[in-house]
Amino acid sequence: MSADATRRVEVYPDREAVVEFDPDLTFECVDDCTWCCHHGVLLYDRDLLELAQRANLAETTTDFRGEKFVTREEKDRADHVADDGSACAFLREDGLCSLHLEEDWKPARCSVFPLGVWLEDGDLHVDIRESAHEHCDGLNVSERRVIDNLEAFLPELLWDLENPDSEREL
C-alpha cells in the first residue's frame, strides 16, 4: 500500500493505528499451518505476568538480547515444526496452542500475527509481515477482513509500549 493510501483507523477509543495494508486483505488461521508457532515469541512485561499464572517461566521462557521469549523446543515429530524440528513450547502435537485452547489466553505477539507493528513519529503503524506473504496460508482465504477486526489482532497494550516492533525474533 502506498503512503498515499495509508489510513488511520480507531481500534479502541483514542487509540488509532496507521494501516498500511490493503483494506480488502482477509485472514483466518487455517488447520495445520502453524508457521507462526515455529519462531520464538517475544513476551512483553504484561505477557510475563499473565504467563506466570499459567506456566513455569523457568521452563517455558528464555532470555535473548535482554528480552524474554517463549522457549522454542525440539519436538519429537515431523508435523507442526520448523525445519530444525523445533517450535513454540506451547504448540501441541495436534498443531493447536495449549495456552489459547486450555487457558483462553495468548501472548500479545501471537494475537498480532500476521501483522507487523512498529512506532513511527509517535504513531502505531500496522502492515502485513513480509514473511507472512511467503509462508502464511491464512491470508486471503476467508471473508474476515483484517481492517474490520483490528481489535482482535492488536491488544491495547501495544500503544503503551516503548517498542512494540514485531520484527524482533529469537
Protein backbone atom coordinates (compact mmCIF):
# COMPACT_ATOMS: atom_id res chain seq x y z
CA MET A 1 0.00 0.00 0.00
CA SER A 2 1.46 3.37 -0.93
CA ALA A 3 1.92 6.17 1.58
CA ASP A 4 -0.98 7.98 -0.11
CA ALA A 5 -3.23 5.00 0.61
CA THR A 6 -2.45 4.66 4.34
CA ARG A 7 -5.33 5.32 6.66
CA ARG A 8 -5.87 5.94 10.33
CA VAL A 9 -8.25 3.51 11.99
CA GLU A 10 -9.56 3.86 15.52
CA VAL A 11 -9.06 0.45 17.11
CA TYR A 12 -10.01 1.44 20.68
CA PRO A 13 -11.31 4.78 21.96
CA ASP A 14 -8.48 7.29 21.44
CA ARG A 15 -6.20 4.51 20.09
CA GLU A 16 -5.58 4.73 16.37
CA ALA A 17 -3.38 2.66 14.11
CA VAL A 18 -1.91 3.76 10.83
CA VAL A 19 -2.88 0.94 8.48
CA GLU A 20 -0.50 0.31 5.61
CA PHE A 21 -2.00 -2.83 4.09
CA ASP A 22 -4.74 -3.38 1.54
CA PRO A 23 -8.07 -2.85 3.33
CA ASP A 24 -9.54 -5.82 1.45
CA LEU A 25 -6.97 -8.23 2.92
CA THR A 26 -8.54 -11.14 4.79
CA PHE A 27 -7.02 -13.52 7.32
CA GLU A 28 -8.14 -16.62 9.17
CA CYS A 29 -5.93 -19.25 10.79
CA VAL A 30 -6.09 -22.48 8.83
CA ASP A 31 -5.68 -26.04 10.07
CA ASP A 32 -2.18 -27.48 10.00
CA CYS A 33 -0.35 -24.26 9.14
CA THR A 34 1.40 -23.40 12.48
CA TRP A 35 4.10 -21.43 10.65
CA CYS A 36 3.81 -18.55 13.15
CA CYS A 37 4.49 -21.02 16.01
CA HIS A 38 7.89 -22.05 14.67
CA HIS A 39 9.58 -18.86 15.90
CA GLY A 40 10.31 -17.57 19.37
CA VAL A 41 7.50 -15.39 20.73
CA LEU A 42 8.60 -12.12 22.31
CA LEU A 43 6.93 -11.58 25.68
CA TYR A 44 6.09 -8.07 26.84
CA ASP A 45 6.05 -7.37 30.60
CA ARG A 46 2.28 -7.85 30.86
CA ASP A 47 2.58 -11.13 28.97
CA LEU A 48 5.14 -12.36 31.50
CA LEU A 49 2.77 -11.60 34.38
CA GLU A 50 -0.07 -13.43 32.63
CA LEU A 51 2.12 -16.36 31.63
CA ALA A 52 3.44 -16.73 35.18
CA GLN A 53 -0.12 -17.51 36.26
CA ARG A 54 -0.35 -20.31 33.69
CA ALA A 55 3.11 -21.86 33.36
CA ASN A 56 6.53 -22.20 34.95
CA LEU A 57 8.53 -19.29 33.47
CA ALA A 58 11.87 -21.01 34.17
CA GLU A 59 10.81 -23.91 31.93
CA THR A 60 8.95 -22.02 29.21
CA THR A 61 10.88 -18.79 28.66
CA THR A 62 14.37 -17.81 27.61
CA ASP A 63 16.38 -14.58 27.54
CA PHE A 64 17.72 -13.34 24.22
CA ARG A 65 19.43 -9.97 23.82
CA GLY A 66 17.91 -8.75 27.07
CA GLU A 67 14.34 -9.70 26.20
CA LYS A 68 12.14 -12.61 27.26
CA PHE A 69 10.83 -15.07 24.69
CA VAL A 70 8.74 -18.24 24.87
CA THR A 71 11.14 -21.12 24.53
CA ARG A 72 11.37 -22.95 21.24
CA GLU A 73 11.79 -26.60 21.98
CA GLU A 74 12.71 -29.61 19.93
CA LYS A 75 9.63 -31.66 19.17
CA ASP A 76 9.61 -35.40 18.62
CA ARG A 77 7.51 -35.26 15.46
CA ALA A 78 7.63 -34.28 11.81
CA ASP A 79 4.49 -32.10 11.70
CA HIS A 80 3.99 -28.62 13.14
CA VAL A 81 7.69 -27.86 13.50
CA ALA A 82 10.27 -25.65 11.80
CA ASP A 83 12.99 -27.07 9.57
CA ASP A 84 15.15 -27.59 12.67
CA GLY A 85 12.45 -29.75 14.34
CA SER A 86 11.56 -27.10 16.95
CA ALA A 87 8.50 -25.00 17.69
CA CYS A 88 6.90 -22.96 20.46
CA ALA A 89 6.89 -24.76 23.80
CA PHE A 90 3.08 -24.41 23.89
CA LEU A 91 2.40 -25.86 20.44
CA ARG A 92 0.71 -29.20 20.93
CA GLU A 93 1.20 -32.27 18.76
CA ASP A 94 -2.13 -31.60 17.02
CA GLY A 95 -0.90 -28.16 15.92
CA LEU A 96 -3.01 -26.23 18.40
CA CYS A 97 -1.85 -23.85 21.13
CA SER A 98 -2.28 -25.10 24.68
CA LEU A 99 -2.35 -21.53 26.04
CA HIS A 100 -5.09 -20.43 23.69
CA LEU A 101 -7.21 -23.57 24.00
CA GLU A 102 -6.73 -24.52 27.62
CA GLU A 103 -6.19 -21.10 29.19
CA ASP A 104 -8.20 -18.90 26.78
CA TRP A 105 -5.20 -16.58 26.54
CA LYS A 106 -2.27 -15.95 24.26
CA PRO A 107 0.70 -13.57 24.29
CA ALA A 108 0.23 -10.23 22.56
CA ARG A 109 2.67 -11.15 19.79
CA CYS A 110 0.58 -14.21 18.94
CA SER A 111 -2.51 -12.02 18.61
CA VAL A 112 -0.69 -9.63 16.30
CA PHE A 113 0.36 -12.24 13.74
CA PRO A 114 0.38 -11.96 10.70
CA LEU A 115 0.63 -8.22 11.20
CA GLY A 116 3.82 -6.31 11.72
CA VAL A 117 3.66 -3.33 14.08
CA TRP A 118 6.09 -0.50 14.81
CA LEU A 119 6.17 3.05 16.11
CA GLU A 120 6.90 5.85 13.73
CA ASP A 121 6.61 9.55 14.61
CA GLY A 122 4.59 8.60 17.70
CA ASP A 123 2.03 6.57 15.74
CA LEU A 124 1.45 2.82 15.82
CA HIS A 125 1.84 1.54 12.25
CA VAL A 126 0.47 -1.78 11.05
CA ASP A 127 1.26 -3.79 7.94
CA ILE A 128 1.40 -7.43 6.94
CA ARG A 129 4.74 -9.03 7.81
CA GLU A 130 6.82 -9.55 4.69
CA SER A 131 7.49 -13.16 5.70
CA ALA A 132 3.77 -13.84 6.11
CA HIS A 133 3.25 -13.25 2.39
CA GLU A 134 5.60 -16.15 1.71
CA HIS A 135 4.64 -18.59 4.48
CA CYS A 136 1.21 -17.88 5.98
CA ASP A 137 -1.60 -19.97 4.49
CA GLY A 138 -4.33 -17.91 6.18
CA LEU A 139 -4.04 -14.77 4.04
CA ASN A 140 -6.98 -14.10 1.72
CA VAL A 141 -8.76 -17.40 2.38
CA SER A 142 -11.82 -16.12 4.23
CA GLU A 143 -14.30 -13.26 4.38
CA ARG A 144 -12.78 -11.90 7.63
CA ARG A 145 -11.30 -8.54 6.66
CA VAL A 146 -8.36 -7.67 8.89
CA ILE A 147 -9.15 -3.95 8.88
CA ASP A 148 -12.65 -4.64 10.26
CA ASN A 149 -11.24 -6.80 13.08
CA LEU A 150 -8.14 -4.91 14.19
CA GLU A 151 -9.05 -5.20 17.89
CA ALA A 152 -8.63 -8.98 17.57
CA PHE A 153 -5.08 -8.52 16.23
CA LEU A 154 -3.88 -5.50 18.21
CA PRO A 155 -4.02 -5.79 22.00
CA GLU A 156 -4.47 -2.38 23.57
CA LEU A 157 -1.18 -2.72 25.46
CA LEU A 158 0.72 -2.11 22.18
CA TRP A 159 0.01 1.62 22.43
CA ASP A 160 1.67 1.73 25.87
CA LEU A 161 4.91 0.04 24.83
CA GLU A 162 8.12 1.92 24.23
CA ASN A 163 9.00 -0.50 21.40
CA PRO A 164 6.23 -2.74 20.02
CA ASP A 165 8.32 -3.55 16.93
CA SER A 166 7.26 -7.02 15.86
CA GLU A 167 10.37 -7.80 13.84
CA ARG A 168 12.35 -8.84 16.93
CA GLU A 169 12.75 -12.61 16.90
CA LEU A 170 14.53 -15.28 18.89
